[in-house]
C-alpha atoms as a PDB file:
ATOM      1  CA  MET A   1      97.764 107.057  89.812  1.00  0.00           C
ATOM      2  CA  ALA A   2      98.165 104.896  86.780  1.00  0.00           C
ATOM      3  CA  GLY A   3      96.031 101.884  86.485  1.00  0.00           C
ATOM      4  CA  GLY A   4      95.690  99.054  84.033  1.00  0.00           C
ATOM      5  CA  LYS A   5      93.960  96.112  82.448  1.00  0.00           C
ATOM      6  CA  TYR A   6      95.593  92.804  81.690  1.00  0.00           C
ATOM      7  CA  PHE A   7      94.018  89.681  80.177  1.00  0.00           C
ATOM      8  CA  GLU A   8      96.773  87.990  78.217  1.00  0.00           C
ATOM      9  CA  CYS A   9      96.465  84.618  79.920  1.00  0.00           C
ATOM     10  CA  LEU A  10      92.682  84.416  79.989  1.00  0.00           C
ATOM     11  CA  SER A  11      91.561  85.090  76.431  1.00  0.00           C
ATOM     12  CA  ALA A  12      92.747  85.622  72.886  1.00  0.00           C
ATOM     13  CA  HIS A  13      92.659  89.402  73.416  1.00  0.00           C
ATOM     14  CA  GLU A  14      95.861  91.357  73.555  1.00  0.00           C
ATOM     15  CA  PRO A  15      96.856  92.319  77.098  1.00  0.00           C
ATOM     16  CA  TYR A  16      95.606  95.665  78.345  1.00  0.00           C
ATOM     17  CA  LEU A  17      96.634  98.252  80.869  1.00  0.00           C
ATOM     18  CA  VAL A  18      94.761 101.252  82.214  1.00  0.00           C
ATOM     19  CA  PHE A  19      96.850 104.077  83.598  1.00  0.00           C
ATOM     20  CA  TYR A  20      95.065 106.420  85.983  1.00  0.00           C
ATOM     21  CA  SER A  21      97.582 109.159  86.521  1.00  0.00           C
ATOM     22  CA  CYS A  22      97.947 112.670  87.805  1.00  0.00           C
ATOM     23  CA  ALA A  23     101.711 112.317  87.719  1.00  0.00           C
ATOM     24  CA  SER A  24     103.982 113.851  85.114  1.00  0.00           C
ATOM     25  CA  SER A  25     106.875 115.218  87.170  1.00  0.00           C
ATOM     26  CA  ARG A  26     110.199 114.826  85.427  1.00  0.00           C
ATOM     27  CA  LEU A  27     113.103 112.577  86.165  1.00  0.00           C
ATOM     28  CA  TYR A  28     116.231 113.296  84.164  1.00  0.00           C
ATOM     29  CA  LEU A  29     115.184 110.850  81.462  1.00  0.00           C
ATOM     30  CA  GLY A  30     111.777 112.488  81.026  1.00  0.00           C
ATOM     31  CA  PRO A  31     108.359 112.333  82.716  1.00  0.00           C
ATOM     32  CA  HIS A  32     108.533 109.504  85.249  1.00  0.00           C
ATOM     33  CA  ILE A  33     105.260 108.092  83.932  1.00  0.00           C
ATOM     34  CA  TYR A  34     107.353 107.160  80.863  1.00  0.00           C
ATOM     35  CA  LEU A  35     109.354 104.758  83.044  1.00  0.00           C
ATOM     36  CA  CYS A  36     106.109 103.093  84.155  1.00  0.00           C
ATOM     37  CA  TRP A  37     104.965 102.857  80.526  1.00  0.00           C
ATOM     38  CA  HIS A  38     108.267 101.330  79.414  1.00  0.00           C
ATOM     39  CA  ARG A  39     108.075  98.668  82.127  1.00  0.00           C
ATOM     40  CA  VAL A  40     104.507  97.936  81.097  1.00  0.00           C
ATOM     41  CA  VAL A  41     105.436  97.344  77.467  1.00  0.00           C
ATOM     42  CA  ILE A  42     108.315  94.995  78.243  1.00  0.00           C
ATOM     43  CA  SER A  43     105.934  93.065  80.528  1.00  0.00           C
ATOM     44  CA  GLY A  44     103.823  92.243  77.482  1.00  0.00           C
ATOM     45  CA  ILE A  45     101.081  94.889  77.682  1.00  0.00           C
ATOM     46  CA  LYS A  46     100.038  96.323  74.310  1.00  0.00           C
ATOM     47  CA  GLU A  47      96.868  98.264  75.146  1.00  0.00           C
ATOM     48  CA  ILE A  48      97.055 101.164  77.600  1.00  0.00           C
ATOM     49  CA  ILE A  49      94.244 103.370  78.901  1.00  0.00           C
ATOM     50  CA  PHE A  50      95.021 106.546  80.819  1.00  0.00           C
ATOM     51  CA  VAL A  51      92.445 107.908  83.261  1.00  0.00           C
ATOM     52  CA  THR A  52      93.359 111.519  83.903  1.00  0.00           C
ATOM     53  CA  GLY A  53      92.002 114.559  85.713  1.00  0.00           C
ATOM     54  CA  LYS A  54      91.586 118.155  84.681  1.00  0.00           C
ATOM     55  CA  GLU A  55      94.491 119.985  83.027  1.00  0.00           C
ATOM     56  CA  LYS A  56      96.407 116.758  82.271  1.00  0.00           C
ATOM     57  CA  ARG A  57      96.524 117.051  78.480  1.00  0.00           C
ATOM     58  CA  ALA A  58     100.329 116.957  78.674  1.00  0.00           C
ATOM     59  CA  ILE A  59     100.090 113.200  79.280  1.00  0.00           C
ATOM     60  CA  GLU A  60      98.128 112.717  76.058  1.00  0.00           C
ATOM     61  CA  ASP A  61     100.528 114.928  74.133  1.00  0.00           C
ATOM     62  CA  HIS A  62     103.562 113.062  75.477  1.00  0.00           C
ATOM     63  CA  PHE A  63     102.329 109.706  74.152  1.00  0.00           C
ATOM     64  CA  ASP A  64     100.995 111.060  70.852  1.00  0.00           C
ATOM     65  CA  GLU A  65     102.868 111.093  67.561  1.00  0.00           C
ATOM     66  CA  ALA A  66     105.126 114.112  67.110  1.00  0.00           C
ATOM     67  CA  HIS A  67     106.104 114.246  63.424  1.00  0.00           C
ATOM     68  CA  ALA A  68     107.368 117.837  63.571  1.00  0.00           C
ATOM     69  CA  LEU A  69     109.644 117.080  66.527  1.00  0.00           C
ATOM     70  CA  GLU A  70     110.963 113.937  64.817  1.00  0.00           C
ATOM     71  CA  GLU A  71     111.838 115.901  61.672  1.00  0.00           C
ATOM     72  CA  THR A  72     113.518 118.633  63.704  1.00  0.00           C
ATOM     73  CA  LEU A  73     115.661 116.102  65.544  1.00  0.00           C
ATOM     74  CA  ARG A  74     116.662 114.355  62.317  1.00  0.00           C
ATOM     75  CA  GLY A  75     117.535 117.720  60.780  1.00  0.00           C
ATOM     76  CA  ARG A  76     119.868 118.366  63.708  1.00  0.00           C
ATOM     77  CA  GLY A  77     121.573 115.002  63.275  1.00  0.00           C
ATOM     78  CA  LYS A  78     119.859 113.402  66.264  1.00  0.00           C
ATOM     79  CA  ALA A  79     118.422 110.362  64.524  1.00  0.00           C
ATOM     80  CA  ASP A  80     118.627 108.144  67.617  1.00  0.00           C
ATOM     81  CA  LEU A  81     116.611 110.628  69.666  1.00  0.00           C
ATOM     82  CA  ALA A  82     114.077 110.961  66.847  1.00  0.00           C
ATOM     83  CA  LYS A  83     113.710 107.175  66.854  1.00  0.00           C
ATOM     84  CA  THR A  84     113.063 107.224  70.597  1.00  0.00           C
ATOM     85  CA  VAL A  85     110.358 109.877  70.192  1.00  0.00           C
ATOM     86  CA  LYS A  86     108.667 107.815  67.483  1.00  0.00           C
ATOM     87  CA  SER A  87     108.768 104.627  69.547  1.00  0.00           C
ATOM     88  CA  ILE A  88     106.660 106.230  72.285  1.00  0.00           C
ATOM     89  CA  ALA A  89     103.588 106.239  70.031  1.00  0.00           C
ATOM     90  CA  THR A  90     104.202 102.913  68.277  1.00  0.00           C
ATOM     91  CA  LEU A  91     105.052 100.337  70.954  1.00  0.00           C
ATOM     92  CA  ALA A  92     101.507 100.318  72.388  1.00  0.00           C
ATOM     93  CA  ARG A  93      98.002 101.580  71.647  1.00  0.00           C
ATOM     94  CA  PHE A  94      96.719 104.337  73.915  1.00  0.00           C
ATOM     95  CA  ALA A  95      93.262 105.504  74.964  1.00  0.00           C
ATOM     96  CA  TYR A  96      92.325 108.309  77.344  1.00  0.00           C
ATOM     97  CA  VAL A  97      89.430 108.741  79.760  1.00  0.00           C
ATOM     98  CA  ARG A  98      88.695 111.801  81.896  1.00  0.00           C
ATOM     99  CA  GLN A  99      87.692 111.333  85.542  1.00  0.00           C
ATOM    100  CA  PRO A 100      85.077 114.093  86.055  1.00  0.00           C
ATOM    101  CA  GLU A 101      85.993 114.785  89.684  1.00  0.00           C
ATOM    102  CA  PRO A 102      88.569 113.545  92.227  1.00  0.00           C
ATOM    103  CA  ASN A 103      86.254 111.101  93.997  1.00  0.00           C
ATOM    104  CA  GLY A 104      88.643 108.208  94.595  1.00  0.00           C
ATOM    105  CA  ASN A 105      90.745 105.805  92.581  1.00  0.00           C
ATOM    106  CA  GLY A 106      87.923 103.268  92.613  1.00  0.00           C
ATOM    107  CA  MET A 107      85.694 105.689  90.750  1.00  0.00           C
ATOM    108  CA  ALA A 108      88.582 106.403  88.386  1.00  0.00           C
ATOM    109  CA  LEU A 109      88.681 102.737  87.408  1.00  0.00           C
ATOM    110  CA  LEU A 110      84.920 102.661  86.928  1.00  0.00           C
ATOM    111  CA  SER A 111      85.212 105.557  84.480  1.00  0.00           C
ATOM    112  CA  ALA A 112      87.256 103.252  82.214  1.00  0.00           C
ATOM    113  CA  ALA A 113      85.127 100.135  82.777  1.00  0.00           C
ATOM    114  CA  HIS A 114      83.372 100.496  79.393  1.00  0.00           C
ATOM    115  CA  LEU A 115      86.740 100.021  77.675  1.00  0.00           C
ATOM    116  CA  ILE A 116      87.755  97.057  79.805  1.00  0.00           C
ATOM    117  CA  GLY A 117      84.788  94.704  79.641  1.00  0.00           C
ATOM    118  CA  ASN A 118      84.809  91.431  81.564  1.00  0.00           C
ATOM    119  CA  GLU A 119      88.578  91.060  81.766  1.00  0.00           C
ATOM    120  CA  SER A 120      91.296  91.292  84.398  1.00  0.00           C
ATOM    121  CA  VAL A 121      93.156  94.553  84.814  1.00  0.00           C
ATOM    122  CA  ALA A 122      96.691  95.657  85.667  1.00  0.00           C
ATOM    123  CA  VAL A 123      96.431  98.871  87.687  1.00  0.00           C
ATOM    124  CA  LEU A 124      99.469 101.106  88.103  1.00  0.00           C
ATOM    125  CA  PHE A 125      99.957 104.383  89.921  1.00  0.00           C
ATOM    126  CA  GLY A 126     102.132 106.645  87.776  1.00  0.00           C
ATOM    127  CA  ASP A 127     104.037 108.148  90.707  1.00  0.00           C
ATOM    128  CA  ASP A 128     105.230 104.777  92.043  1.00  0.00           C
ATOM    129  CA  ILE A 129     108.429 103.459  90.411  1.00  0.00           C
ATOM    130  CA  VAL A 130     110.134 100.168  91.225  1.00  0.00           C
ATOM    131  CA  ASP A 131     113.640  99.632  89.873  1.00  0.00           C
ATOM    132  CA  SER A 132     114.174  95.870  89.535  1.00  0.00           C
ATOM    133  CA  LYS A 133     115.739  93.431  87.069  1.00  0.00           C
ATOM    134  CA  VAL A 134     112.355  91.860  86.300  1.00  0.00           C
ATOM    135  CA  PRO A 135     109.483  94.381  86.172  1.00  0.00           C
ATOM    136  CA  THR A 136     107.142  94.058  89.145  1.00  0.00           C
ATOM    137  CA  LEU A 137     104.198  94.023  86.748  1.00  0.00           C
ATOM    138  CA  LYS A 138     105.616  90.921  85.053  1.00  0.00           C
ATOM    139  CA  ARG A 139     105.815  89.209  88.459  1.00  0.00           C
ATOM    140  CA  LEU A 140     102.188  90.113  89.168  1.00  0.00           C
ATOM    141  CA  ILE A 141     101.068  88.851  85.759  1.00  0.00           C
ATOM    142  CA  ASP A 142     102.829  85.525  86.324  1.00  0.00           C
ATOM    143  CA  LEU A 143     101.160  85.113  89.731  1.00  0.00           C
ATOM    144  CA  ASN A 144      97.766  85.934  88.231  1.00  0.00           C
ATOM    145  CA  LYS A 145      98.355  83.187  85.692  1.00  0.00           C
ATOM    146  CA  GLU A 146      99.366  80.763  88.437  1.00  0.00           C
ATOM    147  CA  PHE A 147      96.533  81.414  90.895  1.00  0.00           C
ATOM    148  CA  GLY A 148      93.778  83.062  88.815  1.00  0.00           C
ATOM    149  CA  LEU A 149      93.246  85.610  91.603  1.00  0.00           C
ATOM    150  CA  PRO A 150      93.730  89.350  92.193  1.00  0.00           C
ATOM    151  CA  VAL A 151      97.375  90.143  92.937  1.00  0.00           C
ATOM    152  CA  LEU A 152      98.745  93.117  94.891  1.00  0.00           C
ATOM    153  CA  ALA A 153     102.288  94.488  95.048  1.00  0.00           C
ATOM    154  CA  LEU A 154     103.519  94.792  98.629  1.00  0.00           C
ATOM    155  CA  ASP A 155     106.450  96.598 100.208  1.00  0.00           C
ATOM    156  CA  ARG A 156     107.717  96.599 103.788  1.00  0.00           C
ATOM    157  CA  VAL A 157     107.555 100.053 105.361  1.00  0.00           C
ATOM    158  CA  GLY A 158     108.581 101.450 108.729  1.00  0.00           C
ATOM    159  CA  ARG A 159     106.000 101.210 111.519  1.00  0.00           C
ATOM    160  CA  ASN A 160     105.888 104.990 111.574  1.00  0.00           C
ATOM    161  CA  GLN A 161     104.764 104.936 107.923  1.00  0.00           C
ATOM    162  CA  VAL A 162     101.924 102.391 108.076  1.00  0.00           C
ATOM    163  CA  SER A 163      99.310 105.131 108.509  1.00  0.00           C
ATOM    164  CA  ASN A 164     100.097 106.290 104.950  1.00  0.00           C
ATOM    165  CA  TYR A 165      99.173 102.975 103.293  1.00  0.00           C
ATOM    166  CA  GLY A 166      96.746 100.112 103.065  1.00  0.00           C
ATOM    167  CA  ILE A 167      98.283  97.427 105.320  1.00  0.00           C
ATOM    168  CA  VAL A 168      97.625  93.701 104.899  1.00  0.00           C
ATOM    169  CA  SER A 169      97.437  90.714 107.188  1.00  0.00           C
ATOM    170  CA  SER A 170      98.704  87.643 105.377  1.00  0.00           C
ATOM    171  CA  VAL A 171     100.259  84.186 105.425  1.00  0.00           C
ATOM    172  CA  LYS A 172     103.456  83.506 103.486  1.00  0.00           C
ATOM    173  CA  ILE A 173     103.021  80.672 100.982  1.00  0.00           C
ATOM    174  CA  LYS A 174     106.408  80.837  99.227  1.00  0.00           C
ATOM    175  CA  ASN A 175     109.304  83.229  98.668  1.00  0.00           C
ATOM    176  CA  ARG A 176     107.904  86.780  98.434  1.00  0.00           C
ATOM    177  CA  VAL A 177     104.368  85.455  97.873  1.00  0.00           C
ATOM    178  CA  PHE A 178     101.551  85.777 100.435  1.00  0.00           C
ATOM    179  CA  LYS A 179      97.904  84.842 100.791  1.00  0.00           C
ATOM    180  CA  ILE A 180      96.187  88.009 101.975  1.00  0.00           C
ATOM    181  CA  ASP A 181      93.344  87.569 104.475  1.00  0.00           C
ATOM    182  CA  GLY A 182      92.759  91.174 105.492  1.00  0.00           C
ATOM    183  CA  ILE A 183      93.495  94.770 104.550  1.00  0.00           C
ATOM    184  CA  ILE A 184      93.162  97.975 106.587  1.00  0.00           C
ATOM    185  CA  GLU A 185      93.391 101.412 105.028  1.00  0.00           C
ATOM    186  CA  LYS A 186      95.874 103.755 106.775  1.00  0.00           C
ATOM    187  CA  PRO A 187      95.782 102.238 110.277  1.00  0.00           C
ATOM    188  CA  ALA A 188      97.418 103.788 113.304  1.00  0.00           C
ATOM    189  CA  PRO A 189     100.711 101.954 114.031  1.00  0.00           C
ATOM    190  CA  LYS A 190      99.284 100.170 117.085  1.00  0.00           C
ATOM    191  CA  PHE A 191      96.414  98.747 115.005  1.00  0.00           C
ATOM    192  CA  ALA A 192      98.431  97.723 111.930  1.00  0.00           C
ATOM    193  CA  PRO A 193      98.425  93.931 111.418  1.00  0.00           C
ATOM    194  CA  SER A 194     101.883  94.055 109.787  1.00  0.00           C
ATOM    195  CA  ASN A 195     104.244  96.426 108.006  1.00  0.00           C
ATOM    196  CA  LEU A 196     103.429  95.009 104.541  1.00  0.00           C
ATOM    197  CA  ALA A 197     101.959  97.909 102.603  1.00  0.00           C
ATOM    198  CA  VAL A 198      99.992  97.826  99.356  1.00  0.00           C
ATOM    199  CA  VAL A 199     101.849  99.908  96.782  1.00  0.00           C
ATOM    200  CA  GLY A 200     100.705 101.196  93.419  1.00  0.00           C
ATOM    201  CA  LYS A 201     100.551  98.029  91.325  1.00  0.00           C
ATOM    202  CA  TYR A 202      97.690  95.525  91.116  1.00  0.00           C
ATOM    203  CA  ILE A 203      96.107  92.850  88.965  1.00  0.00           C
ATOM    204  CA  LEU A 204      92.338  93.167  89.494  1.00  0.00           C
ATOM    205  CA  THR A 205      89.797  90.588  88.343  1.00  0.00           C
ATOM    206  CA  PRO A 206      86.269  91.403  87.071  1.00  0.00           C
ATOM    207  CA  ASP A 207      84.852  90.627  90.547  1.00  0.00           C
ATOM    208  CA  ILE A 208      86.584  93.746  91.901  1.00  0.00           C
ATOM    209  CA  PHE A 209      84.922  95.894  89.262  1.00  0.00           C
ATOM    210  CA  ARG A 210      81.516  94.446  90.103  1.00  0.00           C
ATOM    211  CA  ILE A 211      82.058  95.300  93.765  1.00  0.00           C
ATOM    212  CA  LEU A 212      83.157  98.840  92.872  1.00  0.00           C
ATOM    213  CA  LYS A 213      80.045  99.287  90.747  1.00  0.00           C
ATOM    214  CA  ASP A 214      77.769  98.039  93.534  1.00  0.00           C
ATOM    215  CA  MET A 215      79.514 100.240  96.096  1.00  0.00           C
ATOM    216  CA  SER A 216      79.283 103.322  93.878  1.00  0.00           C
ATOM    217  CA  ALA A 217      75.488 102.945  93.830  1.00  0.00           C
ATOM    218  CA  ILE A 218      75.166 102.984  97.640  1.00  0.00           C
ATOM    219  CA  SER A 219      74.158 106.363  99.055  1.00  0.00           C
ATOM    220  CA  THR A 220      76.663 106.238 101.934  1.00  0.00           C
ATOM    221  CA  TRP A 221      79.530 106.034  99.437  1.00  0.00           C
ATOM    222  CA  ASN A 222      78.045 108.922  97.451  1.00  0.00           C
ATOM    223  CA  GLU A 223      77.968 110.967 100.661  1.00  0.00           C
ATOM    224  CA  LYS A 224      81.555 110.039 101.447  1.00  0.00           C
ATOM    225  CA  ARG A 225      82.490 111.328  97.955  1.00  0.00           C
ATOM    226  CA  GLU A 226      85.458 108.956  97.597  1.00  0.00           C
ATOM    227  CA  LEU A 227      85.576 105.284  96.687  1.00  0.00           C
ATOM    228  CA  GLY A 228      88.917 103.510  96.800  1.00  0.00           C
ATOM    229  CA  ILE A 229      90.321 100.289  95.416  1.00  0.00           C
ATOM    230  CA  THR A 230      91.086  99.221  98.994  1.00  0.00           C
ATOM    231  CA  ASP A 231      87.371  99.435  99.858  1.00  0.00           C
ATOM    232  CA  ALA A 232      86.542  96.927  97.111  1.00  0.00           C
ATOM    233  CA  LEU A 233      89.459  94.652  98.031  1.00  0.00           C
ATOM    234  CA  ALA A 234      88.349  94.515 101.683  1.00  0.00           C
ATOM    235  CA  GLU A 235      84.819  93.613 100.576  1.00  0.00           C
ATOM    236  CA  PHE A 236      86.134  90.962  98.182  1.00  0.00           C
ATOM    237  CA  LEU A 237      88.162  89.328 100.972  1.00  0.00           C
ATOM    238  CA  LYS A 238      84.947  88.477 102.827  1.00  0.00           C
ATOM    239  CA  THR A 239      84.374  85.645 100.357  1.00  0.00           C
ATOM    240  CA  GLY A 240      87.425  85.546  98.050  1.00  0.00           C
ATOM    241  CA  LYS A 241      91.203  85.219  98.117  1.00  0.00           C
ATOM    242  CA  ILE A 242      93.922  87.684  97.118  1.00  0.00           C
ATOM    243  CA  ILE A 243      97.613  87.059  96.466  1.00  0.00           C
ATOM    244  CA  GLY A 244     100.346  89.486  97.527  1.00  0.00           C
ATOM    245  CA  TYR A 245     103.839  89.821  96.079  1.00  0.00           C
ATOM    246  CA  GLU A 246     106.613  91.513  98.071  1.00  0.00           C
ATOM    247  CA  ILE A 247     108.497  93.598  95.537  1.00  0.00           C
ATOM    248  CA  GLU A 248     112.197  93.287  94.768  1.00  0.00           C
ATOM    249  CA  GLY A 249     114.415  96.271  94.048  1.00  0.00           C
ATOM    250  CA  ALA A 250     114.250  99.929  95.004  1.00  0.00           C
ATOM    251  CA  ARG A 251     110.871 101.675  95.156  1.00  0.00           C
ATOM    252  CA  TYR A 252     110.528 105.427  94.648  1.00  0.00           C
ATOM    253  CA  ASP A 253     107.428 107.315  95.724  1.00  0.00           C
ATOM    254  CA  CYS A 254     107.621 110.129  93.193  1.00  0.00           C
ATOM    255  CA  GLY A 255     104.429 111.623  94.593  1.00  0.00           C
ATOM    256  CA  SER A 256     106.626 112.987  97.381  1.00  0.00           C
ATOM    257  CA  LYS A 257     109.343 115.595  96.909  1.00  0.00           C
ATOM    258  CA  LEU A 258     111.972 113.425  98.585  1.00  0.00           C
ATOM    259  CA  GLY A 259     111.057 110.329  96.587  1.00  0.00           C
ATOM    260  CA  LEU A 260     111.259 112.249  93.316  1.00  0.00           C
ATOM    261  CA  LEU A 261     114.671 113.673  94.264  1.00  0.00           C
ATOM    262  CA  LYS A 262     115.996 110.213  95.172  1.00  0.00           C
ATOM    263  CA  ALA A 263     114.814 108.747  91.876  1.00  0.00           C
ATOM    264  CA  THR A 264     116.251 111.649  89.886  1.00  0.00           C
ATOM    265  CA  ILE A 265     119.676 111.240  91.505  1.00  0.00           C
ATOM    266  CA  ASP A 266     119.789 107.451  91.205  1.00  0.00           C
ATOM    267  CA  TYR A 267     118.675 107.397  87.570  1.00  0.00           C
ATOM    268  CA  GLY A 268     120.905 110.360  86.745  1.00  0.00           C
ATOM    269  CA  LEU A 269     123.974 108.574  88.103  1.00  0.00           C
ATOM    270  CA  ARG A 270     123.326 105.681  85.718  1.00  0.00           C
ATOM    271  CA  HIS A 271     122.696 107.810  82.651  1.00  0.00           C
ATOM    272  CA  ASP A 272     125.048 106.957  79.779  1.00  0.00           C
ATOM    273  CA  GLU A 273     125.595 110.547  78.722  1.00  0.00           C
ATOM    274  CA  VAL A 274     125.891 112.495  81.988  1.00  0.00           C
ATOM    275  CA  GLY A 275     126.180 109.855  84.729  1.00  0.00           C
ATOM    276  CA  GLU A 276     129.938 110.124  85.266  1.00  0.00           C
ATOM    277  CA  ALA A 277     129.979 113.932  85.258  1.00  0.00           C
ATOM    278  CA  PHE A 278     126.988 114.008  87.611  1.00  0.00           C
ATOM    279  CA  ARG A 279     128.752 111.621  90.006  1.00  0.00           C
ATOM    280  CA  ASN A 280     131.865 113.837  90.027  1.00  0.00           C
ATOM    281  CA  TYR A 281     129.694 116.879  90.683  1.00  0.00           C
ATOM    282  CA  LEU A 282     128.077 115.236  93.702  1.00  0.00           C
ATOM    283  CA  LYS A 283     131.505 114.191  95.048  1.00  0.00           C
ATOM    284  CA  ASP A 284     132.674 117.782  94.844  1.00  0.00           C
ATOM    285  CA  LEU A 285     129.745 119.165  96.825  1.00  0.00           C
ATOM    286  CA  LYS A 286     130.702 120.420 100.267  1.00  0.00           C
ATOM    287  CA  ILE A 287     127.862 118.721 102.187  1.00  0.00           C
END
């Protein structure tokens, strides 16, 4: 999961993002977490924090400066590619936090709380990609500015898939925008209040972090061993309001084998260098 912190509209600070991510599988263009990062930057985020687990140093290395690689590429006449490599480390500032154990995405966010302070946060899951003209994160940021409330990205899923997601009950207030009044984590289809699922993009306010902190101190949560963002959102809804945004464009769940394959094919077909040849190859397959 990649998670983030955003506060552009609320203070003079630069906007932030925290990525909590175990995902580094490759699309044709590179690790798919790069696509999330690129969308983040063009949405106005300049500070990014990664919360990672064990054996995830490759994420740090990918976003670090690589002078030797740049020089090698220039020496081989690949100046454009060298420029791309350099841009990875210069378009945003990165920090990294290690989550000691896999005890829930809520605990992952708390592990980065000392870097966030009393600000709102854009949270992104690195294995969830949305291909749209306007980045989903930018839509969420705009709604946070408009309402001053937590904002969740929503996607309509099949009834047979609702048990894989947090599902919301809500009232539509304008095109693609909802006021959320309830959320249930992974309900059975017959108990799901809708087919609007929470997907891996959020704007969380400081209130959510305070709830997570309080919950983490309760012994029953320690016994459960996992604390999720959905737990804090459900608690927040007892007294507060949350906005939902139904995403536009194609969403790829790259945490699944099929989702990663779909994204690889779709992005490969649009690639400037190999897209046409790849399309011809697929046409020639005897399927």
